[in-house]
Structure formats: C-alpha cells, structure tokens
Amino acid sequence: MKFTVQSEDKHSLARVGKIETDHSTIETPVFMPVGTHGVVKSISPNELYDINTQIMLSNTYHLYLRPGTDIIEKNGGLHKFMNWSNSILTDSGGYQVFSLSKMNEITDNGVNFKSHLDGSMHFFTPETSMEVQRKLGSDIIMAFDYCPPADCSKKELKRASRLTEDWTRRAYEYINNQLPLYGHSQTLFPIIQGGVDKEERLKCLDQMLPFATCGLAIGGLSVGEKKDPMFDVVKLLGTHMPQDQPRYLMGVGKPTDLVKSILSGVDMFDCVLPTRNARNGQIFTHDGPINILNSKYKDDTSPVDKNSSILFAQEHSRSYLRHLFKVNEMFGIRIATLMNIAYYFDLISEIKSEINNNSFVKWSEDYLQRHDK
C-alpha cells in the first residue's frame, strides 16, 4: 500500500492525500461506509460504485461467526464473496471485546468470548484475528487490540495499553510470516489506545510506531467519554503521528465530528451512524439533519435535499419519502441510506476543495456554527 500527501492546509493540520491499494485508489479524507456482514445494509455494490465509494469496512468478529471464514475462503475471499472490486478494511474484533464485555473474559493471551448468536465459546488471539483477516482478504487489516471503557481505572487503562502493545507485536509477527491468500497485499494498521489520558496516548503511540508501515489508527474514542476530551486527544495525536502515513479515527462519527477531526489531521473515518440513522428516519441534508417521520413533513412538497448528489433527493418530496417510511416500504430505507452516505461524501468533497484553497478553517467555523448543536 502507498500513501501520498497531495496538499496541506496552511492554517490547520488538515491535508488531502491518496491511498493506493491493489484494489483501488482512495482519496483522503475518506469516510468508509460500514458493511458489518459483508454488505452495507439494503445497498448493492453497484449503488455504492455509483456514489463513488472507494473503500468500505466489514467486521471480522461477525464474519468469523457467520458465515464463517472457511466459507468466505472457498468463495475466493471477501471481495469475490460480496462482488466488490474496490478496497476493504476489516476491524480486528477488538472492539467487540469492549461492546460485548459482559460476554467475554480478557486474558494476557487473548479473549474468551461467548457468541451472541448461539452461546458457543470461542477464544480469539492476535494470531486468530490475523488468520481470519487473512482469509477474508481485506486490503487493510487492523491489529488486535484491547479497547477499555471510558470509565475504566488508571490501572485498567495501563493494562489495555500493555496488552495492545503485546498483541500488536504478535499480530505483526504472525501476518509478516504468512503469504497472502489471494494475490494482493494486506497492510496492518496498529491501533493507539490510552483513553483520554494524554500521557498514556503518547506512550501507546510510541509503542505502535515499530509496527506501522503505512497507517495508524486512533481507537478507544467515542466509547462514552465527553466530546471535548475526545477532540483534545485527536488534536494531540494529530501533532505527533507520522506525517507520511494515513491516520484513521475509528468509529467516528457525526458530520461535525468529521470536520473537527480533519482539522486535527485525520484522514480516515468509519461509523454506522449515517446508515443506522437512515433506517430510523434521520436524513442528513445540506441544511441540517431532519427526522422524516415528523408530522410536519406529511404535506411538505419541497425536495428532500435540493443540493444532494442523489437524484432522488432532488426530485422527490419530503412528503413522499415520509410516506415510504410510514408504509414500511423498503425503498424508503434504501434511498435514505444512500442519501446519508452521499451526504458524507459530499461533505468530504467540499472539505477537500476548501483544504486545497487554504480556506478550510474559515469554512469549518461557518459550518460548525450552523450545524454543531
């Protein structure tokens, strides 16, 4: 994998770049739609191509449990399994250590966890995570890490950093001693932990640097901590992470979160928010988010979003989209999902233009004043 910085904003840490994998060229900053089970819910690969999706994320833990990585390997890897020719990033399963904490036990060697599907017991190690991701064949693979809860003790925070360092070393050594299964390269991203403790974050960053060949991730944020400490950590790491590698902020977030984080030098994002919220009727428009189920849209004949890059949003009314939701028509969910992803892409496209013009800081102030509520 190759990363090139193409332009930098003179007034912030924001930059425009390009990631090249064996499957696609990815313009950064980039937002990655989440396809947990090998599909972005309700959306086909062709529809993702139509809105210029260059990379998507899938979930190691869920695909390991169902359908099972052996089945995906028999299909020739995840790209062929889902008929997707652009890049894929897979998480390591480490986040599920956090999100399913009541169903697992963390040891120095790995994690014992109970399947949320059938209660069966499994043991995930850094080597297991690498082998599963090797069989998935994703372009970018995440190191197995321990993501502690936001309210954990100082002792547990330090334990998480220690285990993350040890597990990353094991993952790095394992994957570097294996040949790729499908003829394309895979790049490992280490994950920086440390909560909102700045000293611990910088220590963990230093620990991850030996394993970072072309990319580093910021993990363990947006897990219950307040927003101001979160952005303080992002800005701190933005000033210390390598300039020549892409920086990935995991699991973030709202459009305003992306704007603030890009100001601090972040290049890559993922979050379920735009697709999950679409299914619940929240539509991100260029004038701000709306809840299409609100009664005030029942007879609203204005376009859903006249500035959207999605033709449906320009040509169909809010009352029509509300009608689709009220009658539980799947088409409404599909269109809402596409519109929300397209909004994120439109936003980042505008941000890249502002960075290239060295006007991003002023533009961001105006945007945040309008939308950060």
Protein backbone atom coordinates (compact mmCIF):
# COMPACT_ATOMS: atom_id res chain seq x y z
CA MET A 1 0.00 0.00 0.00
CA LYS A 2 1.15 3.55 -0.75
CA PHE A 3 0.11 6.88 0.79
CA THR A 4 0.85 10.30 -0.68
CA VAL A 5 0.05 13.69 0.83
CA GLN A 6 -1.06 15.90 -2.06
CA SER A 7 -1.81 19.18 -0.31
CA GLU A 8 -1.85 20.60 3.22
CA ASP A 9 -3.90 23.38 4.73
CA LYS A 10 -1.65 26.26 5.83
CA HIS A 11 -3.83 27.11 8.83
CA SER A 12 -4.57 23.68 10.35
CA LEU A 13 -3.37 20.07 10.32
CA ALA A 14 -5.83 19.15 7.56
CA ARG A 15 -4.49 17.57 4.39
CA VAL A 16 -5.62 15.95 1.16
CA GLY A 17 -3.99 12.68 0.17
CA LYS A 18 -4.20 9.47 -1.77
CA ILE A 19 -4.03 5.84 -0.62
CA GLU A 20 -3.27 3.23 -3.26
CA THR A 21 -4.08 -0.42 -2.60
CA ASP A 22 -4.10 -3.32 -5.02
CA HIS A 23 -7.86 -2.82 -5.45
CA SER A 24 -8.46 0.94 -5.63
CA THR A 25 -7.17 4.45 -5.23
CA ILE A 26 -8.68 6.14 -2.18
CA GLU A 27 -8.81 9.92 -1.98
CA THR A 28 -8.42 11.21 1.57
CA PRO A 29 -10.00 12.41 3.75
CA VAL A 30 -12.33 9.45 3.30
CA PHE A 31 -15.42 8.14 5.03
CA MET A 32 -15.86 4.36 4.89
CA PRO A 33 -19.44 3.02 4.92
CA VAL A 34 -19.85 0.11 7.32
CA GLY A 35 -20.80 -3.26 5.85
CA THR A 36 -20.69 -5.32 9.03
CA HIS A 37 -21.75 -8.60 7.46
CA GLY A 38 -20.20 -8.00 4.05
CA VAL A 39 -22.96 -5.66 2.90
CA VAL A 40 -23.94 -2.07 3.63
CA LYS A 41 -27.48 -2.72 4.82
CA SER A 42 -30.00 -2.54 1.95
CA ILE A 43 -27.41 -1.23 -0.57
CA SER A 44 -25.91 -3.13 -3.52
CA PRO A 45 -22.27 -2.86 -4.62
CA ASN A 46 -23.36 -1.17 -7.84
CA GLU A 47 -25.16 1.55 -5.89
CA LEU A 48 -22.03 2.09 -3.81
CA TYR A 49 -19.98 2.42 -7.00
CA ASP A 50 -22.49 4.97 -8.31
CA ILE A 51 -21.79 7.32 -5.39
CA ASN A 52 -18.01 6.76 -5.75
CA THR A 53 -17.39 4.55 -2.72
CA GLN A 54 -13.69 3.71 -2.85
CA ILE A 55 -13.42 1.65 0.34
CA MET A 56 -15.80 0.04 2.82
CA LEU A 57 -15.44 -1.61 6.21
CA SER A 58 -16.50 -5.09 7.27
CA ASN A 59 -16.45 -6.79 10.66
CA THR A 60 -14.05 -9.63 11.46
CA TYR A 61 -15.94 -10.87 14.52
CA HIS A 62 -19.31 -11.10 12.80
CA LEU A 63 -17.98 -12.70 9.61
CA TYR A 64 -15.95 -15.19 11.67
CA LEU A 65 -19.15 -16.33 13.38
CA ARG A 66 -21.39 -16.20 10.33
CA PRO A 67 -21.00 -17.40 7.61
CA GLY A 68 -17.54 -18.45 8.83
CA THR A 69 -14.21 -17.58 7.27
CA ASP A 70 -13.79 -21.01 5.67
CA ILE A 71 -16.88 -20.37 3.55
CA ILE A 72 -15.58 -16.95 2.54
CA GLU A 73 -12.22 -18.51 1.67
CA LYS A 74 -13.98 -21.08 -0.55
CA ASN A 75 -15.60 -18.16 -2.37
CA GLY A 76 -12.17 -16.66 -3.08
CA GLY A 77 -12.15 -14.08 -0.29
CA LEU A 78 -14.47 -11.31 0.80
CA HIS A 79 -14.08 -9.25 -2.40
CA LYS A 80 -15.43 -12.10 -4.52
CA PHE A 81 -17.91 -13.24 -1.87
CA MET A 82 -19.66 -9.87 -1.98
CA ASN A 83 -18.73 -9.00 -5.60
CA TRP A 84 -16.85 -5.85 -4.55
CA SER A 85 -13.78 -4.80 -6.55
CA ASN A 86 -12.71 -1.73 -4.53
CA SER A 87 -10.83 -1.74 -1.23
CA ILE A 88 -11.98 -3.30 2.04
CA LEU A 89 -10.84 -2.58 5.59
CA THR A 90 -11.66 -5.10 8.29
CA ASP A 91 -11.57 -4.38 12.00
CA SER A 92 -9.85 -6.89 14.24
CA GLY A 93 -12.65 -7.99 16.54
CA GLY A 94 -11.07 -5.96 19.33
CA TYR A 95 -13.99 -3.55 19.51
CA GLN A 96 -16.29 -6.46 20.32
CA VAL A 97 -14.14 -7.05 23.40
CA PHE A 98 -15.48 -3.68 24.53
CA SER A 99 -19.03 -3.78 23.18
CA LEU A 100 -19.74 -7.36 24.33
CA SER A 101 -17.80 -7.04 27.58
CA LYS A 102 -20.41 -8.97 29.58
CA MET A 103 -19.86 -11.97 27.30
CA ASN A 104 -16.08 -12.22 27.39
CA GLU A 105 -13.02 -12.69 29.57
CA ILE A 106 -9.78 -10.88 28.77
CA THR A 107 -6.55 -12.75 29.44
CA ASP A 108 -2.96 -11.87 28.63
CA ASN A 109 -3.03 -14.35 25.75
CA GLY A 110 -6.34 -13.33 24.19
CA VAL A 111 -10.07 -13.13 24.78
CA ASN A 112 -12.54 -15.86 25.67
CA PHE A 113 -15.94 -14.84 24.37
CA LYS A 114 -19.42 -16.24 24.09
CA SER A 115 -21.14 -15.97 20.72
CA HIS A 116 -24.08 -13.60 20.79
CA LEU A 117 -25.73 -15.92 18.25
CA ASP A 118 -25.79 -19.31 19.97
CA GLY A 119 -23.80 -19.01 23.19
CA SER A 120 -20.89 -21.10 21.89
CA MET A 121 -17.48 -20.32 23.36
CA HIS A 122 -14.55 -19.05 21.28
CA PHE A 123 -11.01 -17.92 22.02
CA PHE A 124 -9.62 -15.03 19.98
CA THR A 125 -5.89 -14.30 19.99
CA PRO A 126 -3.91 -11.78 17.93
CA GLU A 127 -2.90 -14.68 15.69
CA THR A 128 -6.54 -15.77 15.31
CA SER A 129 -7.55 -12.27 14.28
CA MET A 130 -4.76 -12.12 11.69
CA GLU A 131 -5.62 -15.53 10.24
CA VAL A 132 -9.31 -14.65 10.00
CA GLN A 133 -8.50 -11.36 8.25
CA ARG A 134 -6.02 -13.16 6.00
CA LYS A 135 -8.82 -15.48 4.90
CA LEU A 136 -11.15 -12.54 4.42
CA GLY A 137 -8.52 -10.97 2.16
CA SER A 138 -9.17 -7.35 3.12
CA ASP A 139 -6.73 -4.72 1.90
CA ILE A 140 -6.29 -3.05 5.29
CA ILE A 141 -6.32 -5.22 8.41
CA MET A 142 -6.47 -3.95 11.96
CA ALA A 143 -4.24 -5.22 14.74
CA PHE A 144 -5.99 -6.97 17.61
CA ASP A 145 -6.31 -4.51 20.49
CA TYR A 146 -7.96 -4.06 23.86
CA CYS A 147 -10.40 -1.13 23.86
CA PRO A 148 -11.13 -0.26 27.50
CA PRO A 149 -14.35 1.50 28.58
CA ALA A 150 -14.23 5.27 29.07
CA ASP A 151 -14.78 4.98 32.83
CA CYS A 152 -12.08 2.36 33.47
CA SER A 153 -9.48 2.78 36.22
CA LYS A 154 -5.97 4.06 35.58
CA LYS A 155 -4.72 0.55 36.28
CA GLU A 156 -7.03 -0.95 33.64
CA LEU A 157 -6.09 1.76 31.16
CA LYS A 158 -2.43 0.87 31.54
CA ARG A 159 -3.27 -2.82 31.23
CA ALA A 160 -5.11 -2.10 27.98
CA SER A 161 -2.06 -0.30 26.59
CA ARG A 162 0.25 -3.12 27.68
CA LEU A 163 -1.95 -5.81 26.14
CA THR A 164 -2.44 -3.77 22.96
CA GLU A 165 1.33 -3.46 22.55
CA ASP A 166 1.89 -7.16 23.16
CA TRP A 167 -0.98 -8.23 20.92
CA THR A 168 0.09 -5.86 18.13
CA ARG A 169 3.61 -7.30 18.19
CA ARG A 170 2.21 -10.82 17.93
CA ALA A 171 -0.16 -9.82 15.13
CA TYR A 172 2.66 -8.08 13.25
CA GLU A 173 4.97 -11.09 13.55
CA TYR A 174 2.25 -13.53 12.54
CA ILE A 175 1.00 -11.72 9.45
CA ASN A 176 4.54 -10.98 8.24
CA ASN A 177 5.31 -14.70 8.28
CA GLN A 178 2.29 -15.58 6.10
CA LEU A 179 1.74 -15.30 2.37
CA PRO A 180 -1.43 -13.54 1.18
CA LEU A 181 -4.07 -16.00 0.04
CA TYR A 182 -5.48 -14.15 -2.95
CA GLY A 183 -2.53 -12.50 -4.68
CA HIS A 184 -2.94 -8.99 -3.31
CA SER A 185 -1.15 -7.33 -0.41
CA GLN A 186 -2.59 -6.65 3.03
CA THR A 187 -1.46 -3.73 5.21
CA LEU A 188 -1.61 -3.87 9.00
CA PHE A 189 -2.74 -0.80 10.94
CA PRO A 190 -1.74 -0.71 14.63
CA ILE A 191 -4.26 0.91 16.99
CA ILE A 192 -3.37 3.59 19.55
CA GLN A 193 -5.21 3.18 22.87
CA GLY A 194 -4.93 5.19 26.10
CA GLY A 195 -8.39 6.64 26.72
CA VAL A 196 -8.36 10.41 27.25
CA ASP A 197 -5.11 10.25 29.24
CA LYS A 198 -2.70 12.27 27.09
CA GLU A 199 0.44 10.76 28.60
CA GLU A 200 -0.87 7.24 28.05
CA ARG A 201 -1.88 8.08 24.48
CA LEU A 202 1.58 9.35 23.58
CA LYS A 203 3.18 6.33 25.21
CA CYS A 204 0.93 3.99 23.25
CA LEU A 205 1.69 5.89 20.04
CA ASP A 206 5.41 5.34 20.59
CA GLN A 207 4.75 1.65 21.24
CA MET A 208 2.82 1.31 17.97
CA LEU A 209 5.33 3.06 15.69
CA PRO A 210 7.58 0.00 15.12
CA PHE A 211 4.58 -1.86 13.67
CA ALA A 212 3.22 0.95 11.48
CA THR A 213 4.39 0.55 7.89
CA CYS A 214 1.68 2.60 6.17
CA GLY A 215 -1.09 3.59 8.55
CA LEU A 216 -2.04 4.12 12.18
CA ALA A 217 -5.44 4.12 13.87
CA ILE A 218 -6.80 6.00 16.86
CA GLY A 219 -9.02 3.62 18.81
CA GLY A 220 -10.88 3.76 22.09
CA LEU A 221 -12.71 7.05 21.46
CA SER A 222 -16.43 7.70 21.13
CA VAL A 223 -16.96 4.97 23.74
CA GLY A 224 -18.70 7.06 26.37
CA GLU A 225 -16.26 9.88 27.09
CA LYS A 226 -17.23 13.54 26.72
CA LYS A 227 -16.60 15.20 23.36
CA ASP A 228 -14.10 17.89 24.45
CA PRO A 229 -11.57 15.39 25.91
CA MET A 230 -12.02 13.23 22.82
CA PHE A 231 -11.12 16.05 20.46
CA ASP A 232 -8.22 17.08 22.69
CA VAL A 233 -6.77 13.58 22.23
CA VAL A 234 -7.35 13.65 18.48
CA LYS A 235 -5.58 17.02 18.18
CA LEU A 236 -2.69 15.84 20.37
CA LEU A 237 -2.16 12.72 18.27
CA GLY A 238 -2.55 14.71 15.06
CA THR A 239 0.53 16.71 16.03
CA HIS A 240 2.59 13.61 16.91
CA MET A 241 1.57 10.86 14.45
CA PRO A 242 3.80 10.32 11.40
CA GLN A 243 3.14 12.78 8.58
CA ASP A 244 3.76 10.21 5.85
CA GLN A 245 1.13 7.67 6.95
CA PRO A 246 -2.68 7.79 6.85
CA ARG A 247 -4.40 8.40 10.19
CA TYR A 248 -7.63 6.56 10.90
CA LEU A 249 -10.06 7.62 13.64
CA MET A 250 -12.18 4.56 14.38
CA GLY A 251 -15.94 4.72 14.90
CA VAL A 252 -16.41 8.48 14.48
CA GLY A 253 -18.97 9.90 13.80
CA LYS A 254 -21.31 12.83 13.25
CA PRO A 255 -20.62 15.18 10.31
CA THR A 256 -19.41 17.86 12.74
CA ASP A 257 -17.07 15.28 14.33
CA LEU A 258 -15.50 14.68 10.93
CA VAL A 259 -14.96 18.40 10.35
CA LYS A 260 -13.28 18.86 13.76
CA SER A 261 -11.12 15.75 13.33
CA ILE A 262 -9.98 16.66 9.81
CA LEU A 263 -8.82 19.99 11.25
CA SER A 264 -6.58 17.87 13.50
CA GLY A 265 -5.10 15.88 10.63
CA VAL A 266 -7.30 12.75 10.49
CA ASP A 267 -7.56 11.08 7.07
CA MET A 268 -9.94 8.13 7.50
CA PHE A 269 -13.26 7.58 9.27
CA ASP A 270 -15.95 4.95 9.68
CA CYS A 271 -19.22 4.94 11.59
CA VAL A 272 -22.57 3.16 11.48
CA LEU A 273 -24.36 6.43 12.26
CA PRO A 274 -25.38 7.52 8.72
CA THR A 275 -26.74 4.10 7.75
CA ARG A 276 -28.30 3.22 11.13
CA ASN A 277 -29.92 6.65 11.47
CA ALA A 278 -31.24 6.41 7.92
CA ARG A 279 -33.18 3.29 8.88
CA ASN A 280 -34.72 5.27 11.75
CA GLY A 281 -35.74 8.15 9.51
CA GLN A 282 -32.97 10.68 10.20
CA ILE A 283 -31.80 12.21 6.93
CA PHE A 284 -28.64 14.29 6.70
CA THR A 285 -29.30 17.19 4.35
CA HIS A 286 -27.15 20.14 3.31
CA ASP A 287 -29.37 22.33 5.51
CA GLY A 288 -29.00 20.07 8.54
CA PRO A 289 -30.47 16.74 9.68
CA ILE A 290 -34.22 16.14 9.58
CA ASN A 291 -36.43 13.41 11.03
CA ILE A 292 -38.58 12.48 8.06
CA LEU A 293 -41.15 10.81 10.34
CA ASN A 294 -42.11 14.14 11.93
CA SER A 295 -45.67 15.12 11.11
CA LYS A 296 -44.60 18.48 9.67
CA TYR A 297 -43.26 16.63 6.61
CA LYS A 298 -46.60 14.95 5.86
CA ASP A 299 -47.55 17.60 3.30
CA ASP A 300 -44.10 19.09 2.66
CA THR A 301 -43.74 19.17 -1.12
CA SER A 302 -40.18 20.56 -1.10
CA PRO A 303 -37.32 18.31 -2.27
CA VAL A 304 -35.77 16.09 0.38
CA ASP A 305 -32.43 17.85 -0.25
CA LYS A 306 -32.15 20.01 -3.35
CA ASN A 307 -28.35 20.14 -3.00
CA SER A 308 -27.78 16.40 -2.69
CA SER A 309 -25.76 14.48 -5.27
CA ILE A 310 -28.53 11.84 -5.17
CA LEU A 311 -31.09 12.50 -7.88
CA PHE A 312 -33.95 11.11 -5.78
CA ALA A 313 -33.31 13.72 -3.07
CA GLN A 314 -33.52 16.50 -5.64
CA GLU A 315 -36.60 15.23 -7.49
CA HIS A 316 -38.80 13.70 -4.78
CA SER A 317 -40.59 15.45 -1.97
CA ARG A 318 -40.18 15.05 1.75
CA SER A 319 -43.84 14.03 1.96
CA TYR A 320 -43.18 11.17 -0.47
CA LEU A 321 -40.16 9.89 1.48
CA ARG A 322 -42.17 10.15 4.70
CA HIS A 323 -44.95 8.15 3.05
CA LEU A 324 -42.48 5.39 2.14
CA PHE A 325 -41.36 5.17 5.76
CA LYS A 326 -44.91 5.21 7.14
CA VAL A 327 -45.95 2.26 4.95
CA ASN A 328 -42.72 0.39 5.79
CA GLU A 329 -41.60 0.42 2.17
CA MET A 330 -38.04 -0.90 1.86
CA PHE A 331 -37.38 1.56 -0.95
CA GLY A 332 -37.59 4.40 1.56
CA ILE A 333 -34.87 2.88 3.75
CA ARG A 334 -32.67 2.17 0.72
CA ILE A 335 -32.96 5.73 -0.57
CA ALA A 336 -32.44 7.25 2.88
CA THR A 337 -29.31 5.14 3.36
CA LEU A 338 -27.87 6.21 0.01
CA MET A 339 -28.69 9.85 0.71
CA ASN A 340 -26.93 9.78 4.08
CA ILE A 341 -23.79 8.15 2.73
CA ALA A 342 -23.82 10.56 -0.21
CA TYR A 343 -24.15 13.48 2.20
CA TYR A 344 -20.98 12.38 4.00
CA PHE A 345 -19.22 12.03 0.65
CA ASP A 346 -20.48 15.45 -0.49
CA LEU A 347 -19.27 16.97 2.77
CA ILE A 348 -15.79 15.49 2.44
CA SER A 349 -15.59 16.53 -1.21
CA GLU A 350 -16.34 20.11 -0.16
CA ILE A 351 -13.76 19.86 2.64
CA LYS A 352 -11.08 18.70 0.20
CA SER A 353 -11.81 21.66 -2.04
CA GLU A 354 -11.52 24.04 0.92
CA ILE A 355 -8.23 22.47 2.04
CA ASN A 356 -6.81 22.84 -1.46
CA ASN A 357 -7.81 26.52 -1.39
CA ASN A 358 -6.39 27.07 2.13
CA SER A 359 -9.84 28.25 3.23
CA PHE A 360 -10.83 25.22 5.31
CA VAL A 361 -10.51 26.86 8.74
CA LYS A 362 -12.86 29.74 7.88
CA TRP A 363 -15.24 27.35 6.12
CA SER A 364 -15.21 24.98 9.13
CA GLU A 365 -16.05 27.83 11.51
CA ASP A 366 -19.10 28.68 9.41
CA TYR A 367 -20.14 25.03 9.08
CA LEU A 368 -19.79 24.29 12.80
CA GLN A 369 -21.68 27.43 13.74
CA ARG A 370 -24.60 26.23 11.63
CA HIS A 371 -24.55 22.53 12.46
CA ASP A 372 -22.76 21.91 15.78
CA LYS A 373 -25.81 21.99 18.06
